[in-house]
């Protein structure tokens, strides 16, 4: 005579199978999701050339699906990043969702600036630290000021300087400031100055936005 298994025993086996499947799914998610996100960011950053190595971490990794994580680290070189101006310049909206941020870029271009080094980092609730060195020209900076900074007459000045040959003169770019995210927008809390009459705060936003928009 066939023995009948108690219903509670069957329920227990089903529960064990479901639990094992959930554990396996969590493990696979933890292993696979970061790599997918890292590859997508690397592809966007290197669309016009260069190399990039991206590291994403989050526990659980499913948080990455909502753009949330524990740490974002980027090490890149040789990038050619275009300027993409927006009516609503929310720069840090995505970065704010990570507990730690470290972006290191060398020998790249961001709009009118040839970057030798660019380092943007943040630990927890501290302000972002921005350090960057590079060079630009008076004319290129003037044109960008007209388009991105809304500085009156900058485009005319840039054209005049280009025509006279002065516009091609190199300007050293040296940024060292602390910036906070004001609902995703840049707010300089320490550091500043001017380069060829252009405030370094908007210049920092210009360079940073060209990079962060690709993340």
N, C-alpha and C. Protein backbone atom coordinates (compact mmCIF):
# COMPACT_ATOMS: atom_id res chain seq x y z
N UNK A 1 0.85 -1.20 0.00
CA UNK A 1 0.00 0.00 0.00
C UNK A 1 0.88 1.25 0.00
N UNK A 2 0.58 2.17 -0.89
CA UNK A 2 1.41 3.39 -1.02
C UNK A 2 1.26 4.28 0.20
N UNK A 3 2.41 4.69 0.67
CA UNK A 3 2.40 5.57 1.83
C UNK A 3 2.14 7.00 1.37
N UNK A 4 1.30 7.67 2.06
CA UNK A 4 0.98 9.07 1.75
C UNK A 4 1.84 9.98 2.61
N UNK A 5 2.50 10.96 1.92
CA UNK A 5 3.33 11.92 2.65
C UNK A 5 2.44 12.99 3.24
N UNK A 6 2.69 13.33 4.45
CA UNK A 6 1.88 14.40 5.07
C UNK A 6 2.00 15.70 4.27
N UNK A 7 0.93 16.46 4.17
CA UNK A 7 0.98 17.73 3.43
C UNK A 7 2.06 18.67 3.95
N UNK A 8 2.30 18.66 5.24
CA UNK A 8 3.32 19.56 5.80
C UNK A 8 4.69 19.24 5.27
N UNK A 9 4.96 17.94 5.00
CA UNK A 9 6.26 17.55 4.46
C UNK A 9 6.44 18.09 3.05
N UNK A 10 5.39 18.02 2.23
CA UNK A 10 5.46 18.54 0.87
C UNK A 10 5.67 20.05 0.88
N UNK A 11 4.95 20.71 1.75
CA UNK A 11 5.09 22.16 1.85
C UNK A 11 6.51 22.53 2.25
N UNK A 12 7.08 21.75 3.15
CA UNK A 12 8.45 22.03 3.57
C UNK A 12 9.44 21.89 2.43
N UNK A 13 9.24 20.82 1.60
CA UNK A 13 10.16 20.63 0.46
C UNK A 13 10.02 21.77 -0.54
N UNK A 14 8.77 22.17 -0.81
CA UNK A 14 8.55 23.29 -1.75
C UNK A 14 9.19 24.56 -1.22
N UNK A 15 9.04 24.82 0.08
CA UNK A 15 9.63 26.02 0.67
C UNK A 15 11.14 25.99 0.57
N UNK A 16 11.73 24.79 0.78
CA UNK A 16 13.18 24.67 0.68
C UNK A 16 13.67 24.93 -0.74
N UNK A 17 12.91 24.41 -1.73
CA UNK A 17 13.28 24.64 -3.13
C UNK A 17 13.19 26.12 -3.48
N UNK A 18 12.11 26.76 -3.05
CA UNK A 18 11.93 28.19 -3.32
C UNK A 18 13.04 29.01 -2.66
N UNK A 19 13.38 28.65 -1.42
CA UNK A 19 14.44 29.37 -0.71
C UNK A 19 15.77 29.21 -1.42
N UNK A 20 16.06 27.98 -1.88
CA UNK A 20 17.32 27.72 -2.59
C UNK A 20 17.37 28.52 -3.90
N UNK A 21 16.21 28.58 -4.59
CA UNK A 21 16.15 29.34 -5.85
C UNK A 21 16.38 30.83 -5.60
N UNK A 22 15.82 31.35 -4.52
CA UNK A 22 16.00 32.77 -4.20
C UNK A 22 17.46 33.07 -3.86
N UNK A 23 18.08 32.16 -3.11
CA UNK A 23 19.50 32.34 -2.77
C UNK A 23 20.35 32.33 -4.02
N UNK A 24 20.07 31.40 -4.93
CA UNK A 24 20.81 31.32 -6.19
C UNK A 24 20.62 32.59 -7.01
N UNK A 25 19.38 33.09 -7.05
CA UNK A 25 19.10 34.32 -7.79
C UNK A 25 19.86 35.49 -7.21
N UNK A 26 19.90 35.59 -5.88
CA UNK A 26 20.63 36.68 -5.24
C UNK A 26 22.12 36.60 -5.54
N UNK A 27 22.66 35.38 -5.52
CA UNK A 27 24.09 35.20 -5.81
C UNK A 27 24.40 35.61 -7.24
N UNK A 28 23.56 35.13 -8.19
CA UNK A 28 23.78 35.47 -9.59
C UNK A 28 23.65 36.97 -9.82
N UNK A 29 22.66 37.57 -9.17
CA UNK A 29 22.47 39.02 -9.29
C UNK A 29 23.69 39.77 -8.78
N UNK A 30 24.23 39.33 -7.65
CA UNK A 30 25.40 39.98 -7.06
C UNK A 30 26.61 39.88 -7.97
N UNK A 31 26.69 38.77 -8.71
CA UNK A 31 27.85 38.54 -9.59
C UNK A 31 27.69 39.23 -10.95
N UNK A 32 26.46 39.27 -11.46
CA UNK A 32 26.25 39.70 -12.84
C UNK A 32 25.94 41.19 -12.97
N UNK A 33 25.08 41.71 -12.11
CA UNK A 33 24.61 43.10 -12.28
C UNK A 33 25.73 44.13 -12.30
N UNK A 34 26.69 44.08 -11.34
CA UNK A 34 27.75 45.09 -11.39
C UNK A 34 28.51 45.10 -12.71
N UNK A 35 28.78 43.94 -13.26
CA UNK A 35 29.51 43.87 -14.53
C UNK A 35 28.74 44.50 -15.67
N UNK A 36 27.42 44.29 -15.68
CA UNK A 36 26.59 44.90 -16.73
C UNK A 36 26.64 46.42 -16.63
N UNK A 37 26.48 46.93 -15.40
CA UNK A 37 26.53 48.38 -15.21
C UNK A 37 27.89 48.96 -15.54
N UNK A 38 28.94 48.27 -15.15
CA UNK A 38 30.30 48.75 -15.42
C UNK A 38 30.56 48.83 -16.93
N UNK A 39 30.13 47.79 -17.65
CA UNK A 39 30.34 47.79 -19.10
C UNK A 39 29.59 48.91 -19.80
N UNK A 40 28.36 49.19 -19.33
CA UNK A 40 27.57 50.25 -19.95
C UNK A 40 28.22 51.62 -19.75
N UNK A 41 28.73 51.87 -18.54
CA UNK A 41 29.39 53.15 -18.28
C UNK A 41 30.68 53.27 -19.08
N UNK A 42 31.45 52.19 -19.14
CA UNK A 42 32.70 52.21 -19.90
C UNK A 42 32.43 52.51 -21.37
N UNK A 43 31.38 51.92 -21.93
CA UNK A 43 31.06 52.15 -23.34
C UNK A 43 30.69 53.61 -23.58
N UNK A 44 29.91 54.20 -22.67
CA UNK A 44 29.51 55.60 -22.86
C UNK A 44 30.72 56.54 -22.75
N UNK A 45 31.58 56.28 -21.79
CA UNK A 45 32.75 57.15 -21.60
C UNK A 45 33.70 57.08 -22.79
N UNK A 46 33.85 55.92 -23.38
CA UNK A 46 34.84 55.72 -24.45
C UNK A 46 34.23 55.77 -25.84
N UNK A 47 33.04 56.33 -25.95
CA UNK A 47 32.36 56.37 -27.25
C UNK A 47 33.22 57.06 -28.32
N UNK A 48 33.96 58.09 -27.93
CA UNK A 48 34.80 58.82 -28.89
C UNK A 48 36.29 58.49 -28.73
N UNK A 49 36.57 57.39 -28.06
CA UNK A 49 37.96 56.99 -27.88
C UNK A 49 38.37 56.94 -26.42
N UNK A 50 39.54 56.36 -26.17
CA UNK A 50 40.06 56.27 -24.82
C UNK A 50 39.76 54.93 -24.18
N UNK A 51 40.22 54.80 -22.96
CA UNK A 51 39.99 53.57 -22.19
C UNK A 51 39.43 53.95 -20.82
N UNK A 52 38.63 53.05 -20.25
CA UNK A 52 38.04 53.31 -18.94
C UNK A 52 37.85 52.00 -18.20
N UNK A 53 38.13 52.05 -16.92
CA UNK A 53 37.87 50.91 -16.04
C UNK A 53 36.93 51.38 -14.94
N UNK A 54 35.78 50.74 -14.85
CA UNK A 54 34.73 51.15 -13.92
C UNK A 54 34.49 50.03 -12.91
N UNK A 55 34.29 50.43 -11.66
CA UNK A 55 33.98 49.47 -10.61
C UNK A 55 32.73 49.94 -9.86
N UNK A 56 31.72 49.08 -9.82
CA UNK A 56 30.48 49.36 -9.11
C UNK A 56 30.31 48.34 -7.99
N UNK A 57 29.87 48.79 -6.83
CA UNK A 57 29.58 47.85 -5.75
C UNK A 57 28.32 48.28 -5.02
N UNK A 58 27.51 47.29 -4.69
CA UNK A 58 26.27 47.54 -3.94
C UNK A 58 25.83 46.23 -3.32
N UNK A 59 25.35 46.31 -2.10
CA UNK A 59 24.80 45.13 -1.42
C UNK A 59 23.43 45.50 -0.87
N UNK A 60 22.39 44.83 -1.38
CA UNK A 60 22.41 43.87 -2.49
C UNK A 60 22.61 44.57 -3.83
N UNK A 61 23.11 43.82 -4.81
CA UNK A 61 23.42 44.40 -6.12
C UNK A 61 22.18 44.89 -6.84
N UNK A 62 21.02 44.37 -6.47
CA UNK A 62 19.77 44.81 -7.12
C UNK A 62 19.55 46.31 -6.96
N UNK A 63 20.18 46.93 -5.97
CA UNK A 63 20.06 48.38 -5.81
C UNK A 63 20.55 49.12 -7.05
N UNK A 64 21.48 48.51 -7.78
CA UNK A 64 22.03 49.16 -8.97
C UNK A 64 20.96 49.38 -10.04
N UNK A 65 19.92 48.55 -10.00
CA UNK A 65 18.84 48.71 -10.98
C UNK A 65 18.13 50.05 -10.81
N UNK A 66 18.19 50.59 -9.62
CA UNK A 66 17.58 51.90 -9.33
C UNK A 66 18.64 53.00 -9.24
N UNK A 67 19.87 52.71 -9.74
CA UNK A 67 20.93 53.71 -9.74
C UNK A 67 21.49 54.00 -8.38
N UNK A 68 21.37 53.05 -7.46
CA UNK A 68 21.81 53.23 -6.08
C UNK A 68 22.94 52.25 -5.79
N UNK A 69 23.94 52.65 -5.00
CA UNK A 69 25.04 51.74 -4.70
C UNK A 69 25.91 52.22 -3.58
N UNK A 70 26.88 51.37 -3.21
CA UNK A 70 27.81 51.70 -2.13
C UNK A 70 29.01 52.50 -2.64
N UNK A 71 29.52 52.10 -3.83
CA UNK A 71 30.74 52.76 -4.31
C UNK A 71 30.78 52.75 -5.84
N UNK A 72 31.25 53.87 -6.39
CA UNK A 72 31.49 54.00 -7.83
C UNK A 72 32.91 54.51 -8.01
N UNK A 73 33.72 53.75 -8.73
CA UNK A 73 35.11 54.15 -8.98
C UNK A 73 35.40 54.06 -10.48
N UNK A 74 36.06 55.09 -11.00
CA UNK A 74 36.38 55.14 -12.43
C UNK A 74 37.83 55.56 -12.59
N UNK A 75 38.54 54.84 -13.45
CA UNK A 75 39.92 55.19 -13.81
C UNK A 75 39.98 55.18 -15.33
N UNK A 76 40.16 56.37 -15.94
CA UNK A 76 40.06 56.47 -17.39
C UNK A 76 41.16 57.37 -17.94
N UNK A 77 41.42 57.22 -19.24
CA UNK A 77 42.43 58.04 -19.92
C UNK A 77 42.09 58.13 -21.39
N UNK A 78 42.51 59.25 -22.01
CA UNK A 78 42.33 59.42 -23.43
C UNK A 78 40.90 59.64 -23.88
N UNK A 79 40.03 60.14 -23.00
CA UNK A 79 38.63 60.34 -23.35
C UNK A 79 38.46 61.63 -24.14
N UNK A 80 37.46 61.65 -25.01
CA UNK A 80 37.08 62.85 -25.76
C UNK A 80 35.60 63.10 -25.47
N UNK A 81 35.34 64.00 -24.54
CA UNK A 81 33.99 64.20 -24.03
C UNK A 81 33.39 65.49 -24.57
N UNK A 82 32.20 65.38 -25.11
CA UNK A 82 31.52 66.53 -25.68
C UNK A 82 30.73 67.27 -24.61
N UNK A 83 30.47 68.54 -24.87
CA UNK A 83 29.61 69.32 -23.97
C UNK A 83 28.17 69.13 -24.38
N UNK A 84 27.35 68.87 -23.38
CA UNK A 84 25.92 68.72 -23.64
C UNK A 84 25.19 69.61 -22.65
N UNK A 85 24.89 70.81 -23.08
CA UNK A 85 24.23 71.76 -22.20
C UNK A 85 22.77 71.36 -22.02
N UNK A 86 22.25 71.69 -20.85
CA UNK A 86 20.86 71.37 -20.54
C UNK A 86 20.20 72.56 -19.87
N UNK A 87 18.88 72.67 -20.05
CA UNK A 87 18.15 73.76 -19.42
C UNK A 87 18.16 73.63 -17.90
N UNK A 88 18.16 72.39 -17.43
CA UNK A 88 18.13 72.14 -15.99
C UNK A 88 19.42 71.39 -15.63
N UNK A 89 20.48 72.11 -15.23
CA UNK A 89 21.80 71.50 -15.06
C UNK A 89 21.93 70.66 -13.80
N UNK A 90 21.19 69.54 -13.74
CA UNK A 90 21.30 68.62 -12.61
C UNK A 90 22.48 67.70 -12.90
N UNK A 91 23.60 67.93 -12.23
CA UNK A 91 24.84 67.23 -12.54
C UNK A 91 25.04 66.00 -11.67
N UNK A 92 24.79 66.14 -10.37
CA UNK A 92 25.16 65.10 -9.43
C UNK A 92 24.00 64.18 -9.04
N UNK A 93 22.88 64.27 -9.72
CA UNK A 93 21.70 63.52 -9.30
C UNK A 93 21.99 62.03 -9.16
N UNK A 94 22.70 61.44 -10.12
CA UNK A 94 23.02 60.01 -10.08
C UNK A 94 24.16 59.71 -9.11
N UNK A 95 25.19 60.55 -9.10
CA UNK A 95 26.34 60.31 -8.22
C UNK A 95 25.93 60.36 -6.75
N UNK A 96 24.97 61.21 -6.42
CA UNK A 96 24.53 61.36 -5.03
C UNK A 96 24.00 60.05 -4.45
N UNK A 97 23.62 59.12 -5.31
CA UNK A 97 23.03 57.86 -4.85
C UNK A 97 24.08 56.85 -4.40
N UNK A 98 25.36 57.18 -4.57
CA UNK A 98 26.43 56.28 -4.15
C UNK A 98 27.08 56.81 -2.87
N UNK A 99 27.42 55.89 -1.98
CA UNK A 99 28.04 56.29 -0.72
C UNK A 99 29.43 56.85 -0.90
N UNK A 100 30.21 56.25 -1.81
CA UNK A 100 31.57 56.72 -2.11
C UNK A 100 31.72 56.89 -3.61
N UNK A 101 32.44 57.94 -3.99
CA UNK A 101 32.68 58.22 -5.41
C UNK A 101 34.15 58.57 -5.59
N UNK A 102 34.76 57.96 -6.60
CA UNK A 102 36.14 58.33 -6.96
C UNK A 102 36.28 58.21 -8.48
N UNK A 103 36.45 59.36 -9.12
CA UNK A 103 36.60 59.42 -10.58
C UNK A 103 37.96 60.03 -10.89
N UNK A 104 38.81 59.27 -11.56
CA UNK A 104 40.15 59.73 -11.92
C UNK A 104 40.30 59.63 -13.43
N UNK A 105 40.55 60.76 -14.08
CA UNK A 105 40.68 60.81 -15.53
C UNK A 105 41.96 61.56 -15.89
N UNK A 106 42.72 61.03 -16.83
CA UNK A 106 43.96 61.66 -17.24
C UNK A 106 44.01 61.79 -18.77
N UNK A 107 44.79 62.78 -19.21
CA UNK A 107 45.08 62.96 -20.64
C UNK A 107 43.83 62.86 -21.51
N UNK A 108 42.84 63.69 -21.20
CA UNK A 108 41.57 63.66 -21.91
C UNK A 108 41.12 65.07 -22.24
N UNK A 109 40.05 65.18 -23.00
CA UNK A 109 39.47 66.49 -23.29
C UNK A 109 38.02 66.52 -22.83
N UNK A 110 37.63 67.66 -22.29
CA UNK A 110 36.24 67.89 -21.87
C UNK A 110 35.84 69.25 -22.40
N UNK A 111 35.16 69.25 -23.53
CA UNK A 111 34.80 70.53 -24.14
C UNK A 111 36.05 71.29 -24.54
N UNK A 112 36.19 72.55 -24.06
CA UNK A 112 37.32 73.38 -24.48
C UNK A 112 38.61 73.12 -23.69
N UNK A 113 38.57 72.19 -22.75
CA UNK A 113 39.70 71.99 -21.85
C UNK A 113 40.41 70.67 -22.13
N UNK A 114 41.72 70.76 -22.31
CA UNK A 114 42.57 69.57 -22.37
C UNK A 114 42.98 69.22 -20.95
N UNK A 115 42.45 68.13 -20.45
CA UNK A 115 42.69 67.75 -19.07
C UNK A 115 43.93 66.88 -18.93
N UNK A 116 44.83 67.33 -18.06
CA UNK A 116 45.95 66.46 -17.71
C UNK A 116 45.50 65.50 -16.61
N UNK A 117 44.84 66.06 -15.62
CA UNK A 117 44.32 65.24 -14.52
C UNK A 117 42.97 65.79 -14.08
N UNK A 118 42.10 64.90 -13.71
CA UNK A 118 40.79 65.26 -13.15
C UNK A 118 40.46 64.25 -12.08
N UNK A 119 40.23 64.73 -10.86
CA UNK A 119 39.88 63.83 -9.75
C UNK A 119 38.66 64.41 -9.04
N UNK A 120 37.58 63.64 -9.04
CA UNK A 120 36.36 64.02 -8.33
C UNK A 120 36.05 62.90 -7.34
N UNK A 121 35.95 63.26 -6.06
CA UNK A 121 35.75 62.22 -5.05
C UNK A 121 34.83 62.72 -3.94
N UNK A 122 34.19 61.76 -3.29
CA UNK A 122 33.33 62.07 -2.15
C UNK A 122 33.23 60.84 -1.27
N UNK A 123 33.23 61.05 0.03
CA UNK A 123 33.11 59.97 1.00
C UNK A 123 31.91 60.26 1.90
N UNK A 124 30.86 59.48 1.74
CA UNK A 124 29.68 59.68 2.56
C UNK A 124 28.99 61.00 2.30
N UNK A 125 28.67 61.70 3.36
CA UNK A 125 27.94 62.97 3.25
C UNK A 125 28.85 64.18 3.11
N UNK A 126 30.16 63.93 2.99
CA UNK A 126 31.10 65.05 2.82
C UNK A 126 30.89 65.72 1.46
N UNK A 127 31.33 66.99 1.32
CA UNK A 127 31.27 67.63 -0.01
C UNK A 127 32.16 66.90 -1.01
N UNK A 128 31.87 67.09 -2.28
CA UNK A 128 32.74 66.55 -3.32
C UNK A 128 34.05 67.33 -3.33
N UNK A 129 35.15 66.62 -3.53
CA UNK A 129 36.45 67.25 -3.72
C UNK A 129 36.77 67.21 -5.21
N UNK A 130 37.07 68.35 -5.79
CA UNK A 130 37.39 68.43 -7.22
C UNK A 130 38.78 69.03 -7.39
N UNK A 131 39.64 68.28 -8.05
CA UNK A 131 40.98 68.77 -8.40
C UNK A 131 41.20 68.46 -9.88
N UNK A 132 41.63 69.47 -10.62
CA UNK A 132 41.85 69.26 -12.05
C UNK A 132 42.94 70.20 -12.54
N UNK A 133 43.75 69.71 -13.45
CA UNK A 133 44.76 70.53 -14.11
C UNK A 133 44.65 70.29 -15.61
N UNK A 134 44.95 71.33 -16.38
CA UNK A 134 44.89 71.19 -17.82
C UNK A 134 45.17 72.51 -18.49
N UNK A 135 44.68 72.66 -19.71
CA UNK A 135 44.92 73.89 -20.47
C UNK A 135 43.77 74.10 -21.44
N UNK A 136 43.58 75.36 -21.81
CA UNK A 136 42.59 75.72 -22.81
C UNK A 136 43.11 76.96 -23.52
N UNK A 137 42.37 77.46 -24.48
CA UNK A 137 42.76 78.69 -25.15
C UNK A 137 41.75 79.78 -24.81
N UNK A 138 42.18 81.03 -24.96
CA UNK A 138 41.30 82.16 -24.68
C UNK A 138 40.06 82.10 -25.55
N UNK A 139 40.26 81.81 -26.84
CA UNK A 139 39.14 81.79 -27.78
C UNK A 139 38.15 80.68 -27.45
N UNK A 140 38.67 79.47 -27.21
CA UNK A 140 37.79 78.34 -26.91
C UNK A 140 37.02 78.57 -25.61
N UNK A 141 37.71 79.12 -24.63
CA UNK A 141 37.05 79.38 -23.36
C UNK A 141 36.00 80.46 -23.52
N UNK A 142 36.30 81.46 -24.36
CA UNK A 142 35.34 82.53 -24.60
C UNK A 142 34.08 82.02 -25.28
N UNK A 143 34.25 81.14 -26.27
CA UNK A 143 33.09 80.58 -26.95
C UNK A 143 32.24 79.74 -26.00
N UNK A 144 32.90 78.95 -25.18
CA UNK A 144 32.16 78.13 -24.23
C UNK A 144 31.46 78.99 -23.19
N UNK A 145 32.09 80.12 -22.84
CA UNK A 145 31.47 81.02 -21.88
C UNK A 145 30.18 81.58 -22.44
N UNK A 146 30.20 81.88 -23.73
CA UNK A 146 29.00 82.42 -24.36
C UNK A 146 27.89 81.39 -24.43
N UNK A 147 28.26 80.14 -24.73
CA UNK A 147 27.26 79.10 -24.92
C UNK A 147 26.77 78.51 -23.60
N UNK A 148 27.71 78.31 -22.66
CA UNK A 148 27.36 77.57 -21.45
C UNK A 148 27.21 78.44 -20.21
N UNK A 149 27.96 79.54 -20.15
CA UNK A 149 27.94 80.36 -18.95
C UNK A 149 27.06 81.59 -19.10
N UNK A 150 26.61 81.85 -20.34
CA UNK A 150 25.77 83.02 -20.61
C UNK A 150 26.48 84.30 -20.19
N UNK A 151 27.76 84.41 -20.58
CA UNK A 151 28.53 85.62 -20.31
C UNK A 151 28.40 86.56 -21.51
N UNK A 152 27.79 87.74 -21.37
CA UNK A 152 27.55 88.64 -22.51
C UNK A 152 28.85 89.03 -23.20
N UNK A 153 28.83 88.94 -24.56
CA UNK A 153 29.96 89.39 -25.35
C UNK A 153 31.11 88.42 -25.43
N UNK A 154 31.03 87.29 -24.77
CA UNK A 154 32.16 86.36 -24.77
C UNK A 154 32.41 85.78 -26.16
N UNK A 155 31.34 85.53 -26.92
CA UNK A 155 31.54 84.97 -28.26
C UNK A 155 32.20 85.98 -29.18
N UNK A 156 31.83 87.25 -29.05
CA UNK A 156 32.45 88.29 -29.87
C UNK A 156 33.92 88.44 -29.50
N UNK A 157 34.19 88.44 -28.18
CA UNK A 157 35.57 88.56 -27.72
C UNK A 157 36.39 87.39 -28.22
N UNK A 158 35.82 86.18 -28.16
CA UNK A 158 36.55 85.01 -28.62
C UNK A 158 36.89 85.12 -30.10
N UNK A 159 35.94 85.61 -30.92
CA UNK A 159 36.20 85.77 -32.34
C UNK A 159 37.29 86.78 -32.62
N UNK A 160 37.26 87.90 -31.89
CA UNK A 160 38.30 88.93 -32.07
C UNK A 160 39.67 88.39 -31.69
N UNK A 161 39.74 87.70 -30.58
CA UNK A 161 41.02 87.16 -30.13
C UNK A 161 41.54 86.11 -31.09
N UNK A 162 40.65 85.31 -31.67
CA UNK A 162 41.08 84.31 -32.65
C UNK A 162 41.64 84.98 -33.89
N UNK A 163 40.96 86.05 -34.34
CA UNK A 163 41.40 86.76 -35.55
C UNK A 163 42.77 87.40 -35.36
N UNK A 164 43.06 87.87 -34.16
CA UNK A 164 44.34 88.53 -33.91
C UNK A 164 45.44 87.55 -33.55
N UNK A 165 45.07 86.29 -33.37
CA UNK A 165 46.08 85.30 -33.00
C UNK A 165 46.26 85.15 -31.51
N UNK A 166 45.72 86.09 -30.75
CA UNK A 166 45.87 86.02 -29.29
C UNK A 166 45.01 84.90 -28.72
N UNK A 167 43.90 84.61 -29.40
CA UNK A 167 42.97 83.61 -28.89
C UNK A 167 43.56 82.22 -28.79
N UNK A 168 44.63 81.96 -29.53
CA UNK A 168 45.23 80.64 -29.48
C UNK A 168 46.17 80.44 -28.32
N UNK A 169 46.39 81.50 -27.55
CA UNK A 169 47.31 81.39 -26.42
C UNK A 169 46.76 80.43 -25.37
N UNK A 170 47.65 79.60 -24.84
CA UNK A 170 47.24 78.63 -23.83
C UNK A 170 47.01 79.28 -22.49
N UNK A 171 45.99 78.79 -21.81
CA UNK A 171 45.72 79.20 -20.43
C UNK A 171 45.79 77.95 -19.55
N UNK A 172 46.53 78.04 -18.48
CA UNK A 172 46.58 76.92 -17.55
C UNK A 172 45.28 76.86 -16.75
N UNK A 173 44.76 75.68 -16.62
CA UNK A 173 43.57 75.43 -15.81
C UNK A 173 43.99 74.67 -14.56
N UNK A 174 43.71 75.23 -13.41
CA UNK A 174 44.09 74.60 -12.14
C UNK A 174 42.91 74.76 -11.17
N UNK A 175 42.15 73.71 -10.99
CA UNK A 175 40.97 73.76 -10.14
C UNK A 175 41.21 72.97 -8.86
N UNK A 176 40.87 73.57 -7.75
CA UNK A 176 40.96 72.90 -6.45
C UNK A 176 39.84 73.47 -5.59
N UNK A 177 38.77 72.74 -5.48
CA UNK A 177 37.61 73.28 -4.77
C UNK A 177 36.79 72.17 -4.14
N UNK A 178 35.95 72.59 -3.21
CA UNK A 178 34.99 71.68 -2.59
C UNK A 178 33.61 72.11 -3.07
N UNK A 179 32.84 71.17 -3.53
CA UNK A 179 31.54 71.49 -4.07
C UNK A 179 30.48 70.56 -3.46
N UNK A 180 29.31 71.11 -3.27
CA UNK A 180 28.19 70.34 -2.72
C UNK A 180 27.12 70.16 -3.78
N UNK A 181 26.33 69.14 -3.58
CA UNK A 181 25.20 68.90 -4.45
C UNK A 181 23.96 69.55 -3.86
N UNK A 182 23.42 70.50 -4.56
CA UNK A 182 22.19 71.17 -4.15
C UNK A 182 21.06 70.60 -5.01
N UNK A 183 20.48 69.47 -4.55
CA UNK A 183 19.49 68.74 -5.32
C UNK A 183 20.02 68.41 -6.71
N UNK A 184 21.29 67.98 -6.76
CA UNK A 184 21.91 67.58 -8.01
C UNK A 184 22.68 68.67 -8.71
N UNK A 185 22.53 69.92 -8.27
CA UNK A 185 23.21 71.04 -8.92
C UNK A 185 24.47 71.41 -8.13
N UNK A 186 25.47 71.91 -8.85
CA UNK A 186 26.75 72.24 -8.22
C UNK A 186 26.63 73.52 -7.41
N UNK A 187 27.19 73.47 -6.20
CA UNK A 187 27.32 74.68 -5.39
C UNK A 187 28.72 74.67 -4.78
N UNK A 188 29.53 75.65 -5.15
CA UNK A 188 30.90 75.74 -4.65
C UNK A 188 30.88 76.23 -3.21
N UNK A 189 31.50 75.47 -2.31
CA UNK A 189 31.54 75.86 -0.90
C UNK A 189 32.95 76.26 -0.46
N UNK A 190 33.93 75.93 -1.26
CA UNK A 190 35.31 76.31 -0.93
C UNK A 190 36.14 76.30 -2.19
N UNK A 191 36.99 77.31 -2.36
CA UNK A 191 37.80 77.43 -3.56
C UNK A 191 37.12 78.36 -4.56
N UNK A 192 37.79 78.70 -5.63
CA UNK A 192 37.21 79.58 -6.63
C UNK A 192 38.28 80.34 -7.37
N UNK A 193 37.90 81.48 -7.94
CA UNK A 193 38.84 82.28 -8.71
C UNK A 193 38.34 82.46 -10.13
N UNK A 194 39.22 82.96 -11.00
CA UNK A 194 38.86 83.22 -12.40
C UNK A 194 39.99 82.76 -13.31
N UNK A 195 39.62 82.39 -14.52
CA UNK A 195 40.58 82.08 -15.58
C UNK A 195 40.14 82.88 -16.80
N UNK A 196 40.95 83.83 -17.20
CA UNK A 196 40.62 84.73 -18.32
C UNK A 196 39.29 85.41 -18.11
N UNK A 197 39.01 85.77 -16.86
CA UNK A 197 37.79 86.47 -16.55
C UNK A 197 36.57 85.59 -16.38
N UNK A 198 36.72 84.29 -16.61
CA UNK A 198 35.61 83.36 -16.46
C UNK A 198 35.68 82.75 -15.06
N UNK A 199 34.62 82.85 -14.25
CA UNK A 199 34.63 82.25 -12.91
C UNK A 199 34.90 80.75 -12.98
N UNK A 200 35.73 80.25 -12.06
CA UNK A 200 36.08 78.84 -12.11
C UNK A 200 34.95 77.94 -11.63
N UNK A 201 33.98 78.49 -10.91
CA UNK A 201 32.83 77.67 -10.52
C UNK A 201 32.07 77.14 -11.72
N UNK A 202 31.61 78.02 -12.63
CA UNK A 202 30.95 77.54 -13.84
C UNK A 202 31.86 76.68 -14.72
N UNK A 203 33.16 76.99 -14.75
CA UNK A 203 34.09 76.18 -15.53
C UNK A 203 34.17 74.77 -14.94
N UNK A 204 34.21 74.68 -13.62
CA UNK A 204 34.22 73.37 -12.96
C UNK A 204 32.95 72.60 -13.30
N UNK A 205 31.82 73.31 -13.32
CA UNK A 205 30.56 72.66 -13.66
C UNK A 205 30.58 72.17 -15.10
N UNK A 206 31.15 72.97 -15.99
CA UNK A 206 31.24 72.61 -17.40
C UNK A 206 32.02 71.32 -17.58
N UNK A 207 33.20 71.24 -16.96
CA UNK A 207 34.05 70.06 -17.09
C UNK A 207 33.38 68.85 -16.44
N UNK A 208 32.88 69.05 -15.22
CA UNK A 208 32.27 67.95 -14.48
C UNK A 208 31.05 67.41 -15.21
N UNK A 209 30.22 68.32 -15.72
CA UNK A 209 29.00 67.87 -16.42
C UNK A 209 29.34 67.05 -17.65
N UNK A 210 30.41 67.44 -18.37
CA UNK A 210 30.81 66.70 -19.57
C UNK A 210 31.17 65.26 -19.23
N UNK A 211 31.68 65.05 -18.02
CA UNK A 211 32.07 63.71 -17.59
C UNK A 211 30.89 62.95 -16.99
N UNK A 212 30.20 63.59 -16.06
CA UNK A 212 29.16 62.90 -15.29
C UNK A 212 27.97 62.52 -16.16
N UNK A 213 27.70 63.30 -17.20
CA UNK A 213 26.53 63.01 -18.05
C UNK A 213 26.68 61.66 -18.74
N UNK A 214 27.91 61.14 -18.84
CA UNK A 214 28.13 59.86 -19.51
C UNK A 214 27.97 58.67 -18.55
N UNK A 215 27.80 58.93 -17.26
CA UNK A 215 27.78 57.83 -16.29
C UNK A 215 26.40 57.15 -16.25
